[in-house]
Amino acid sequence: MAASTDKRWFALALLSAVQFMVVLDIAIVNVALPSIKVDLGFSQENLQWVISAYALVFGGFLLLGGRLADILGRRRIFIAGLILFTVASLLAGLAWSEGSLIAARALQGLGAAVISPAALSILTTTFAEGKERNLALGVWGAVGGFGAAAGVLLGGVLTDALSWEWIFFVNIPVGIAGLALTPLLLGESKDAKVKRFDAPGAVLVTGGLMALVYGITEANDFGWTSGTTWAIFAGALALLGAFVVWELRHPEPLMRFGILKIRTVLGANVAGFILGTAMFAMFLMLTLYMQQVLGYSAMKTGVAYLAVAGTAILWSAVAAQLVTKVGVKPVMIAGMAFLTAGLVYFTQVSVGGSYLGDLLPGFLLIGIALGFSFVPISIAALAGVEPAEAGLASGLFNTSQQIGGALGIAALSAIATSRTTSSVEDGAALPVGLVDGFQGAFWAALVVGALGIVVAITLIRRDELESEDAVDAVPALDAA
């Protein structure tokens, strides 16, 4: 039994390391964008696609990746995703033009969309419901919170110390190690009840999600009220509506909508959407503030985030313990409250700001928020879900975060840009206009964060979570 237990925890370490790599690549490019622009000759309007290409494919293919893992085999799909992501990272580091880097980032997004739901469903089927699974999911949530902060930290350090290419090359040894260890530590599992794959459902949901993310990321360029933007959103809604109708009639659907009848799962997905909306945009705005207003280098910007990354590790460990003692719901409410408090603090960033006065207190609050949000949300997203649908539940959860992140970056960037333009047109100096824009974005983000508190209070059900927590940890099936 000891050997079996040890193997499961080594498996968790492997899954967490790979997930850390995937989450890292969401934010790691932010600080490196100026260097990438100069070296590859990016136009200003195309530069955003270094971020958007990843988010577009990642968000669009997550549900499909999760269901493929359930049907074809979770370990098999995990390995396929790991190969894709590692090769794409190599291609991104060797990119020679705008198009080659954008294509490599899209391929990375596809690999990530396959890895994340497969990894989370392997974790869920490896650990039985109860304290051990909550602890494992707590570690998983901690990796998500730390990875989001560590991305901007490592992006700055690697860009200045080596070059921007290394923000992609750093993934290669992790990917190779993961491929070597996967056959030794991870067992195969699948949903044996499903006999055929719902190809039309996969096409409809993937097309709909990709159209939605594309519309969100391009709305700033097209204009949020333009006919093109509305046409893209209408097409996305039509595809997603057709997906819902098809799934309700299909005998073996890609997505069983009954999973959302579990209110805690629904609440976790809404909370994940809100967290992605506020967090992704916040890191982008703070990076721009430090570089464009305070004049920080890439290295200094990255090191500045050490306060977030370091405290996120500490508070994630605390949160993982608290969820087993006081419950998931109180920890999630606290996490959303700290997120909102941090965003409130950032509304006062100033032109002549300092790290100690304008940034550090907010960073410390956000570090707590990351740990106290990602950990309970990760647990709640799988509350009461059958093992056969672990891939679906994890794909849905990751989709919520990615769609929220894409929306947050697009919407809050639009607010910042609009306020900056108005201030400059009224005669303000550019740094003043930029700060006006960032402040407006943070005010909008804190409203979103406050909604997260409401969601945690109203949608997370203690009875659904307590029935899971009350189960004593029982031996899980050996992953091998």
Protein backbone atom coordinates (compact mmCIF):
# COMPACT_ATOMS: atom_id res chain seq x y z
CA MET A 1 0.00 0.00 0.00
CA ALA A 2 2.85 2.40 0.79
CA ALA A 3 4.35 1.94 -2.66
CA SER A 4 0.96 2.54 -4.25
CA THR A 5 0.43 5.70 -2.19
CA ASP A 6 3.91 6.99 -2.98
CA LYS A 7 3.34 6.41 -6.68
CA ARG A 8 0.11 8.39 -6.64
CA TRP A 9 1.82 11.38 -5.06
CA PHE A 10 4.68 11.19 -7.57
CA ALA A 11 2.02 11.13 -10.28
CA LEU A 12 0.51 14.28 -8.76
CA ALA A 13 3.93 15.95 -8.86
CA LEU A 14 4.28 15.11 -12.56
CA LEU A 15 0.79 16.34 -13.45
CA SER A 16 1.31 19.54 -11.46
CA ALA A 17 4.67 20.27 -13.11
CA VAL A 18 3.16 19.92 -16.58
CA GLN A 19 0.13 22.03 -15.64
CA PHE A 20 2.47 24.68 -14.24
CA MET A 21 4.17 24.82 -17.65
CA VAL A 22 0.82 25.26 -19.41
CA VAL A 23 -0.43 27.99 -17.05
CA LEU A 24 2.95 29.71 -17.19
CA ASP A 25 2.69 30.20 -20.94
CA ILE A 26 -0.50 32.22 -20.62
CA ALA A 27 1.31 35.12 -18.95
CA ILE A 28 5.00 34.58 -19.65
CA VAL A 29 4.94 36.44 -22.98
CA ASN A 30 3.56 39.72 -21.55
CA VAL A 31 6.87 41.19 -20.42
CA ALA A 32 8.71 39.91 -23.53
CA LEU A 33 6.40 41.54 -26.09
CA PRO A 34 8.56 44.68 -26.66
CA SER A 35 11.63 42.51 -27.41
CA ILE A 36 9.62 40.21 -29.69
CA LYS A 37 8.26 43.23 -31.56
CA VAL A 38 11.75 44.56 -32.31
CA ASP A 39 13.42 41.25 -33.19
CA LEU A 40 10.70 39.85 -35.44
CA GLY A 41 9.45 43.15 -36.86
CA PHE A 42 5.90 42.80 -35.52
CA SER A 43 3.43 45.54 -36.33
CA GLN A 44 1.68 47.00 -33.29
CA GLU A 45 -1.72 45.66 -34.35
CA ASN A 46 -0.42 42.11 -34.83
CA LEU A 47 1.58 41.96 -31.60
CA GLN A 48 -1.48 41.02 -29.53
CA TRP A 49 -1.72 37.78 -31.53
CA VAL A 50 1.29 36.41 -29.66
CA ILE A 51 -1.12 36.22 -26.70
CA SER A 52 -4.41 35.85 -28.56
CA ALA A 53 -3.39 32.92 -30.79
CA TYR A 54 -2.67 30.86 -27.68
CA ALA A 55 -5.89 31.88 -25.92
CA LEU A 56 -8.00 31.39 -29.06
CA VAL A 57 -7.02 27.76 -29.66
CA PHE A 58 -6.68 26.91 -25.96
CA GLY A 59 -10.19 28.15 -25.15
CA GLY A 60 -11.73 26.73 -28.32
CA PHE A 61 -10.50 23.15 -28.00
CA LEU A 62 -10.72 22.53 -24.24
CA LEU A 63 -14.10 20.79 -24.20
CA LEU A 64 -13.07 18.64 -27.13
CA GLY A 65 -9.76 17.79 -25.42
CA GLY A 66 -11.54 16.79 -22.23
CA ARG A 67 -13.99 14.51 -23.97
CA LEU A 68 -11.31 12.93 -26.13
CA ALA A 69 -9.46 12.06 -22.91
CA ASP A 70 -12.56 10.35 -21.50
CA ILE A 71 -13.20 8.36 -24.68
CA LEU A 72 -9.77 7.56 -26.16
CA GLY A 73 -7.80 7.23 -22.95
CA ARG A 74 -6.60 9.92 -20.58
CA ARG A 75 -2.93 8.95 -20.53
CA ARG A 76 -2.84 8.57 -24.31
CA ILE A 77 -4.31 12.03 -24.86
CA PHE A 78 -2.05 13.52 -22.17
CA ILE A 79 1.02 12.18 -24.01
CA ALA A 80 -0.26 13.48 -27.36
CA GLY A 81 -0.81 16.93 -25.87
CA LEU A 82 2.62 16.93 -24.25
CA ILE A 83 4.30 16.10 -27.58
CA LEU A 84 2.36 18.86 -29.33
CA PHE A 85 3.16 21.44 -26.67
CA THR A 86 6.89 20.58 -26.54
CA VAL A 87 7.33 20.67 -30.33
CA ALA A 88 5.36 23.93 -30.53
CA SER A 89 7.58 25.48 -27.82
CA LEU A 90 10.67 24.61 -29.86
CA LEU A 91 9.12 26.12 -32.99
CA ALA A 92 8.14 29.27 -31.08
CA GLY A 93 11.69 29.75 -29.82
CA LEU A 94 13.04 29.27 -33.37
CA ALA A 95 10.43 31.60 -34.94
CA TRP A 96 11.76 33.85 -37.69
CA SER A 97 8.71 35.97 -38.53
CA GLU A 98 5.32 37.20 -37.33
CA GLY A 99 3.49 34.33 -38.99
CA SER A 100 5.80 31.59 -37.73
CA LEU A 101 5.53 32.71 -34.09
CA ILE A 102 1.76 33.15 -34.23
CA ALA A 103 1.38 29.68 -35.79
CA ALA A 104 3.63 28.14 -33.12
CA ARG A 105 1.63 29.85 -30.36
CA ALA A 106 -1.60 28.45 -31.84
CA LEU A 107 -0.05 24.96 -31.82
CA GLN A 108 0.98 25.50 -28.20
CA GLY A 109 -2.63 26.40 -27.41
CA LEU A 110 -3.83 23.16 -29.02
CA GLY A 111 -1.36 21.16 -26.95
CA ALA A 112 -2.46 22.96 -23.79
CA ALA A 113 -6.14 22.32 -24.58
CA VAL A 114 -5.37 18.60 -24.71
CA ILE A 115 -3.03 18.49 -21.69
CA SER A 116 -5.04 20.40 -19.07
CA PRO A 117 -8.34 18.46 -19.04
CA ALA A 118 -6.55 15.12 -19.48
CA ALA A 119 -4.22 15.88 -16.54
CA LEU A 120 -7.02 17.02 -14.25
CA SER A 121 -9.19 14.01 -15.10
CA ILE A 122 -6.23 11.66 -14.42
CA LEU A 123 -5.84 13.32 -11.03
CA THR A 124 -9.55 12.91 -10.30
CA THR A 125 -9.59 9.22 -11.20
CA THR A 126 -6.33 8.56 -9.33
CA PHE A 127 -7.50 9.94 -5.97
CA ALA A 128 -10.77 8.80 -4.40
CA GLU A 129 -13.31 11.35 -3.19
CA GLY A 130 -12.54 12.69 0.23
CA LYS A 131 -9.62 14.29 2.00
CA GLU A 132 -6.90 12.93 -0.27
CA ARG A 133 -8.59 14.16 -3.45
CA ASN A 134 -9.19 17.56 -1.84
CA LEU A 135 -5.52 17.72 -0.93
CA ALA A 136 -4.50 16.75 -4.47
CA LEU A 137 -6.89 19.31 -5.96
CA GLY A 138 -5.54 21.86 -3.51
CA VAL A 139 -2.06 21.27 -4.91
CA TRP A 140 -3.48 21.56 -8.44
CA GLY A 141 -5.18 24.85 -7.57
CA ALA A 142 -1.99 26.14 -5.98
CA VAL A 143 -0.10 25.38 -9.19
CA GLY A 144 -2.68 27.40 -11.13
CA GLY A 145 -2.37 30.38 -8.82
CA PHE A 146 1.42 30.29 -8.64
CA GLY A 147 1.78 29.71 -12.38
CA ALA A 148 -0.28 32.78 -13.22
CA ALA A 149 2.04 34.97 -11.13
CA ALA A 150 5.28 33.16 -11.96
CA GLY A 151 4.67 33.66 -15.68
CA VAL A 152 5.24 37.40 -15.54
CA LEU A 153 8.14 36.93 -13.11
CA LEU A 154 10.01 34.40 -15.26
CA GLY A 155 9.13 36.22 -18.47
CA GLY A 156 11.02 39.29 -17.33
CA VAL A 157 13.99 37.40 -15.89
CA LEU A 158 14.48 35.13 -18.93
CA THR A 159 14.03 37.95 -21.44
CA ASP A 160 16.65 40.19 -19.83
CA ALA A 161 19.10 37.51 -18.65
CA LEU A 162 19.03 35.44 -21.87
CA SER A 163 16.60 36.43 -24.63
CA TRP A 164 12.88 36.24 -25.36
CA GLU A 165 13.33 32.88 -27.12
CA TRP A 166 14.02 31.26 -23.75
CA ILE A 167 10.48 31.89 -22.50
CA PHE A 168 9.61 29.08 -24.95
CA PHE A 169 12.78 26.97 -24.79
CA VAL A 170 12.32 26.57 -21.02
CA ASN A 171 9.33 24.30 -21.72
CA ILE A 172 11.35 21.73 -23.65
CA PRO A 173 13.15 19.96 -20.77
CA VAL A 174 9.89 19.87 -18.80
CA GLY A 175 8.11 18.30 -21.76
CA ILE A 176 10.84 15.70 -22.33
CA ALA A 177 10.92 14.77 -18.64
CA GLY A 178 7.13 14.49 -18.64
CA LEU A 179 7.16 12.15 -21.63
CA ALA A 180 9.80 9.96 -19.97
CA LEU A 181 7.96 9.72 -16.64
CA THR A 182 4.36 9.38 -17.86
CA PRO A 183 4.54 5.62 -18.69
CA LEU A 184 6.10 4.97 -15.28
CA LEU A 185 3.72 7.01 -13.11
CA LEU A 186 0.38 7.33 -14.90
CA GLY A 187 -2.07 4.57 -15.65
CA GLU A 188 -4.59 4.47 -18.49
CA SER A 189 -8.31 5.01 -17.93
CA LYS A 190 -11.29 5.88 -20.09
CA ASP A 191 -15.09 5.98 -20.15
CA ALA A 192 -15.88 2.48 -21.40
CA LYS A 193 -19.61 3.21 -21.67
CA VAL A 194 -19.22 5.54 -24.68
CA LYS A 195 -19.13 3.58 -27.94
CA ARG A 196 -19.04 6.38 -30.50
CA PHE A 197 -17.64 9.88 -30.74
CA ASP A 198 -19.97 12.85 -31.15
CA ALA A 199 -18.19 14.44 -34.14
CA PRO A 200 -20.92 17.02 -35.02
CA GLY A 201 -21.04 18.18 -31.40
CA ALA A 202 -17.26 18.54 -31.35
CA VAL A 203 -17.29 20.65 -34.53
CA LEU A 204 -20.12 22.89 -33.29
CA VAL A 205 -18.72 23.59 -29.81
CA THR A 206 -15.13 24.06 -30.99
CA GLY A 207 -16.22 26.37 -33.81
CA GLY A 208 -18.51 28.31 -31.49
CA LEU A 209 -15.91 28.77 -28.75
CA MET A 210 -13.20 29.76 -31.22
CA ALA A 211 -15.53 32.29 -32.86
CA LEU A 212 -16.43 33.69 -29.43
CA VAL A 213 -12.78 34.05 -28.34
CA TYR A 214 -11.85 35.51 -31.74
CA GLY A 215 -14.64 38.08 -31.47
CA ILE A 216 -13.53 39.03 -27.96
CA THR A 217 -9.85 39.41 -28.87
CA GLU A 218 -10.53 41.35 -32.08
CA ALA A 219 -13.33 43.59 -30.75
CA ASN A 220 -10.85 46.32 -29.80
CA ASP A 221 -9.65 46.56 -33.42
CA PHE A 222 -13.04 46.17 -35.11
CA GLY A 223 -14.90 48.22 -32.48
CA TRP A 224 -17.29 46.71 -29.94
CA THR A 225 -20.31 48.20 -31.72
CA SER A 226 -19.18 47.49 -35.30
CA GLY A 227 -21.14 45.26 -37.65
CA THR A 228 -18.16 42.91 -37.99
CA THR A 229 -17.95 42.35 -34.23
CA TRP A 230 -21.66 41.71 -33.90
CA ALA A 231 -21.59 39.35 -36.90
CA ILE A 232 -18.82 37.30 -35.28
CA PHE A 233 -20.69 37.14 -31.97
CA ALA A 234 -23.92 36.22 -33.77
CA GLY A 235 -22.11 33.40 -35.57
CA ALA A 236 -20.61 32.18 -32.29
CA LEU A 237 -24.00 32.18 -30.57
CA ALA A 238 -25.59 30.39 -33.52
CA LEU A 239 -22.97 27.64 -33.40
CA LEU A 240 -23.21 27.28 -29.61
CA GLY A 241 -27.02 27.27 -29.79
CA ALA A 242 -26.91 24.55 -32.43
CA PHE A 243 -24.51 22.63 -30.17
CA VAL A 244 -26.97 22.76 -27.27
CA VAL A 245 -29.86 21.55 -29.45
CA TRP A 246 -27.74 18.74 -30.91
CA GLU A 247 -26.43 17.59 -27.53
CA LEU A 248 -29.91 17.42 -26.01
CA ARG A 249 -30.93 15.01 -28.78
CA HIS A 250 -27.78 12.92 -29.08
CA PRO A 251 -27.81 9.53 -27.26
CA GLU A 252 -24.08 9.82 -26.34
CA PRO A 253 -23.43 13.57 -26.22
CA LEU A 254 -20.06 15.27 -26.07
CA MET A 255 -21.37 17.25 -23.11
CA ARG A 256 -24.06 16.13 -20.71
CA PHE A 257 -25.72 19.36 -19.54
CA GLY A 258 -26.98 17.63 -16.42
CA ILE A 259 -23.51 18.20 -14.97
CA LEU A 260 -24.44 21.87 -14.50
CA LYS A 261 -27.40 20.89 -12.34
CA ILE A 262 -24.84 20.43 -9.59
CA ARG A 263 -24.95 24.02 -8.34
CA THR A 264 -21.45 23.89 -6.90
CA VAL A 265 -20.02 22.84 -10.28
CA LEU A 266 -21.97 25.66 -11.94
CA GLY A 267 -20.75 28.11 -9.29
CA ALA A 268 -17.14 26.99 -9.70
CA ASN A 269 -17.30 27.58 -13.44
CA VAL A 270 -18.82 31.03 -13.01
CA ALA A 271 -16.21 31.84 -10.36
CA GLY A 272 -13.45 30.55 -12.66
CA PHE A 273 -14.76 32.78 -15.45
CA ILE A 274 -14.73 35.79 -13.11
CA LEU A 275 -11.26 34.97 -11.80
CA GLY A 276 -9.90 34.67 -15.34
CA THR A 277 -11.56 37.94 -16.38
CA ALA A 278 -10.03 39.94 -13.54
CA MET A 279 -6.67 38.21 -13.16
CA PHE A 280 -5.44 38.00 -16.77
CA ALA A 281 -6.31 41.63 -17.45
CA MET A 282 -4.84 42.78 -14.13
CA PHE A 283 -1.42 41.27 -14.86
CA LEU A 284 -1.40 42.85 -18.33
CA MET A 285 -2.37 46.30 -17.00
CA LEU A 286 0.21 46.17 -14.19
CA THR A 287 2.93 45.08 -16.62
CA LEU A 288 2.13 47.99 -18.93
CA TYR A 289 2.00 50.39 -15.96
CA MET A 290 5.45 49.34 -14.73
CA GLN A 291 7.06 49.46 -18.18
CA GLN A 292 5.29 52.44 -19.79
CA VAL A 293 4.79 54.72 -16.78
CA LEU A 294 7.39 53.76 -14.18
CA GLY A 295 10.01 52.91 -16.83
CA TYR A 296 10.85 49.45 -15.51
CA SER A 297 12.99 47.11 -17.63
CA ALA A 298 11.80 43.60 -18.44
CA MET A 299 13.98 42.22 -15.65
CA LYS A 300 12.79 44.75 -13.06
CA THR A 301 9.17 44.14 -14.06
CA GLY A 302 9.58 40.40 -13.65
CA VAL A 303 11.31 40.69 -10.29
CA ALA A 304 8.56 43.05 -9.09
CA TYR A 305 6.11 40.15 -9.38
CA LEU A 306 8.17 38.08 -6.93
CA ALA A 307 5.97 39.44 -4.14
CA VAL A 308 2.92 37.90 -5.82
CA ALA A 309 4.52 34.60 -6.81
CA GLY A 310 6.20 34.06 -3.46
CA THR A 311 3.14 34.80 -1.34
CA ALA A 312 0.89 32.79 -3.69
CA ILE A 313 2.88 29.65 -2.84
CA LEU A 314 2.54 30.28 0.89
CA TRP A 315 -1.16 31.10 0.84
CA SER A 316 -1.99 28.22 -1.52
CA ALA A 317 -0.52 25.83 1.07
CA VAL A 318 -2.60 27.51 3.77
CA ALA A 319 -5.74 27.33 1.62
CA ALA A 320 -5.19 23.62 0.89
CA GLN A 321 -5.23 22.96 4.63
CA LEU A 322 -8.14 25.29 5.37
CA VAL A 323 -10.52 23.71 2.85
CA THR A 324 -10.40 20.45 4.85
CA LYS A 325 -10.94 22.27 8.17
CA VAL A 326 -13.42 25.08 7.52
CA GLY A 327 -14.73 24.03 4.09
CA VAL A 328 -14.40 25.12 0.47
CA LYS A 329 -17.03 27.86 0.55
CA PRO A 330 -15.52 30.14 3.26
CA VAL A 331 -12.08 29.91 1.65
CA MET A 332 -13.48 30.81 -1.77
CA ILE A 333 -15.40 33.78 -0.36
CA ALA A 334 -12.20 34.99 1.33
CA GLY A 335 -10.25 34.56 -1.92
CA MET A 336 -12.71 36.63 -3.93
CA ALA A 337 -12.73 39.27 -1.17
CA PHE A 338 -8.93 39.55 -1.23
CA LEU A 339 -9.01 39.75 -5.04
CA THR A 340 -11.46 42.64 -4.85
CA ALA A 341 -9.39 44.37 -2.15
CA GLY A 342 -6.25 44.10 -4.28
CA LEU A 343 -8.02 45.59 -7.28
CA VAL A 344 -9.36 48.43 -5.10
CA TYR A 345 -5.78 49.20 -4.07
CA PHE A 346 -4.57 49.33 -7.68
CA THR A 347 -7.16 51.97 -8.59
CA GLN A 348 -4.82 54.53 -6.95
CA VAL A 349 -1.72 53.87 -9.12
CA SER A 350 -0.08 57.21 -9.92
CA VAL A 351 2.23 58.79 -12.48
CA GLY A 352 5.05 59.29 -9.98
CA GLY A 353 4.33 56.02 -8.25
CA SER A 354 6.72 53.84 -6.29
CA TYR A 355 6.94 50.09 -5.81
CA LEU A 356 6.43 50.28 -2.04
CA GLY A 357 3.55 52.73 -2.20
CA ASP A 358 1.64 51.86 -5.37
CA LEU A 359 2.32 48.17 -5.96
CA LEU A 360 3.62 46.06 -3.05
CA PRO A 361 0.53 46.17 -0.76
CA GLY A 362 -1.71 45.27 -3.70
CA PHE A 363 0.65 42.48 -4.76
CA LEU A 364 0.50 40.98 -1.27
CA LEU A 365 -3.30 41.04 -1.35
CA ILE A 366 -3.35 39.41 -4.79
CA GLY A 367 -0.94 36.71 -3.57
CA ILE A 368 -3.48 35.76 -0.90
CA ALA A 369 -6.31 35.96 -3.44
CA LEU A 370 -4.56 33.56 -5.84
CA GLY A 371 -4.13 30.86 -3.19
CA PHE A 372 -7.55 31.33 -1.61
CA SER A 373 -9.32 31.34 -5.01
CA PHE A 374 -7.66 28.76 -7.25
CA VAL A 375 -7.55 26.03 -4.59
CA PRO A 376 -11.26 25.97 -3.60
CA ILE A 377 -12.48 26.64 -7.14
CA SER A 378 -10.49 23.64 -8.43
CA ILE A 379 -12.11 21.42 -5.80
CA ALA A 380 -15.62 22.77 -6.34
CA ALA A 381 -15.39 22.33 -10.13
CA LEU A 382 -15.32 18.54 -9.67
CA ALA A 383 -17.69 18.19 -6.71
CA GLY A 384 -20.01 15.22 -7.22
CA VAL A 385 -18.80 14.55 -10.78
CA GLU A 386 -18.69 10.90 -11.85
CA PRO A 387 -15.18 9.63 -12.74
CA ALA A 388 -16.36 8.86 -16.29
CA GLU A 389 -17.05 12.57 -16.81
CA ALA A 390 -13.88 13.89 -15.18
CA GLY A 391 -12.48 15.00 -18.54
CA LEU A 392 -15.67 16.85 -19.39
CA ALA A 393 -15.80 18.62 -16.01
CA SER A 394 -12.14 19.62 -16.14
CA GLY A 395 -12.42 20.77 -19.75
CA LEU A 396 -15.46 22.87 -18.86
CA PHE A 397 -13.66 24.42 -15.89
CA ASN A 398 -10.58 25.32 -17.93
CA THR A 399 -12.78 26.69 -20.71
CA SER A 400 -14.51 29.02 -18.24
CA GLN A 401 -11.16 30.44 -17.12
CA GLN A 402 -9.80 30.87 -20.65
CA ILE A 403 -12.95 32.52 -22.02
CA GLY A 404 -13.00 34.79 -18.98
CA GLY A 405 -9.33 35.67 -19.49
CA ALA A 406 -9.83 36.51 -23.17
CA LEU A 407 -12.87 38.64 -22.34
CA GLY A 408 -11.06 40.40 -19.50
CA ILE A 409 -8.03 41.32 -21.59
CA ALA A 410 -10.15 42.57 -24.49
CA ALA A 411 -12.77 44.46 -22.47
CA LEU A 412 -10.48 46.06 -19.89
CA SER A 413 -7.90 46.95 -22.53
CA ALA A 414 -10.68 48.71 -24.43
CA ILE A 415 -11.61 50.69 -21.31
CA ALA A 416 -7.97 51.62 -20.65
CA THR A 417 -7.36 52.64 -24.26
CA SER A 418 -10.53 54.72 -24.44
CA ARG A 419 -9.78 56.63 -21.24
CA THR A 420 -6.15 57.18 -22.24
CA THR A 421 -7.18 58.55 -25.63
CA SER A 422 -9.75 60.91 -24.06
CA SER A 423 -7.23 62.21 -21.51
CA VAL A 424 -4.54 62.85 -24.12
CA GLU A 425 -7.04 64.57 -26.43
CA ASP A 426 -8.00 66.82 -23.50
CA GLY A 427 -4.38 67.92 -23.19
CA ALA A 428 -2.99 65.53 -20.59
CA ALA A 429 0.57 64.21 -20.95
CA LEU A 430 0.84 60.62 -22.15
CA PRO A 431 1.89 59.17 -18.74
CA VAL A 432 -1.11 60.89 -17.13
CA GLY A 433 -3.40 59.55 -19.82
CA LEU A 434 -2.02 56.03 -19.42
CA VAL A 435 -2.59 56.13 -15.66
CA ASP A 436 -6.16 57.37 -16.18
CA GLY A 437 -6.72 54.38 -18.47
CA PHE A 438 -5.23 51.86 -16.06
CA GLN A 439 -7.27 53.25 -13.17
CA GLY A 440 -10.46 52.90 -15.22
CA ALA A 441 -9.59 49.29 -16.05
CA PHE A 442 -8.97 48.47 -12.38
CA TRP A 443 -12.31 50.02 -11.35
CA ALA A 444 -14.07 47.79 -13.89
CA ALA A 445 -12.08 44.76 -12.71
CA LEU A 446 -13.00 45.30 -9.06
CA VAL A 447 -16.69 45.27 -9.99
CA VAL A 448 -16.09 41.88 -11.60
CA GLY A 449 -14.21 40.71 -8.51
CA ALA A 450 -17.07 41.79 -6.26
CA LEU A 451 -19.44 39.67 -8.37
CA GLY A 452 -17.17 36.74 -7.54
CA ILE A 453 -17.96 37.20 -3.84
CA VAL A 454 -21.68 37.07 -4.65
CA VAL A 455 -21.24 33.90 -6.72
CA ALA A 456 -19.26 32.18 -3.96
CA ILE A 457 -21.98 33.03 -1.42
CA THR A 458 -25.00 32.11 -3.52
CA LEU A 459 -23.97 29.22 -5.81
CA ILE A 460 -21.51 27.16 -3.77
CA ARG A 461 -23.50 24.59 -1.78
CA ARG A 462 -22.17 23.41 1.55
CA ASP A 463 -24.27 20.24 1.43
CA GLU A 464 -22.77 19.13 -1.91
CA LEU A 465 -19.25 19.81 -0.66
CA GLU A 466 -19.73 18.43 2.84
CA SER A 467 -21.02 15.13 1.51
CA GLU A 468 -17.70 14.82 -0.27
CA ASP A 469 -15.54 16.05 2.60
CA ALA A 470 -17.28 13.75 5.04
CA VAL A 471 -16.00 10.70 3.22
CA ASP A 472 -12.88 9.39 4.87
CA ALA A 473 -9.93 9.05 2.56
CA VAL A 474 -10.09 5.57 1.06
CA PRO A 475 -7.43 3.81 -0.96
CA ALA A 476 -7.66 4.91 -4.59
CA LEU A 477 -7.01 2.49 -7.43
CA ASP A 478 -3.36 2.23 -8.30
CA ALA A 479 -2.73 4.65 -11.17
CA ALA A 480 -0.74 1.98 -12.94
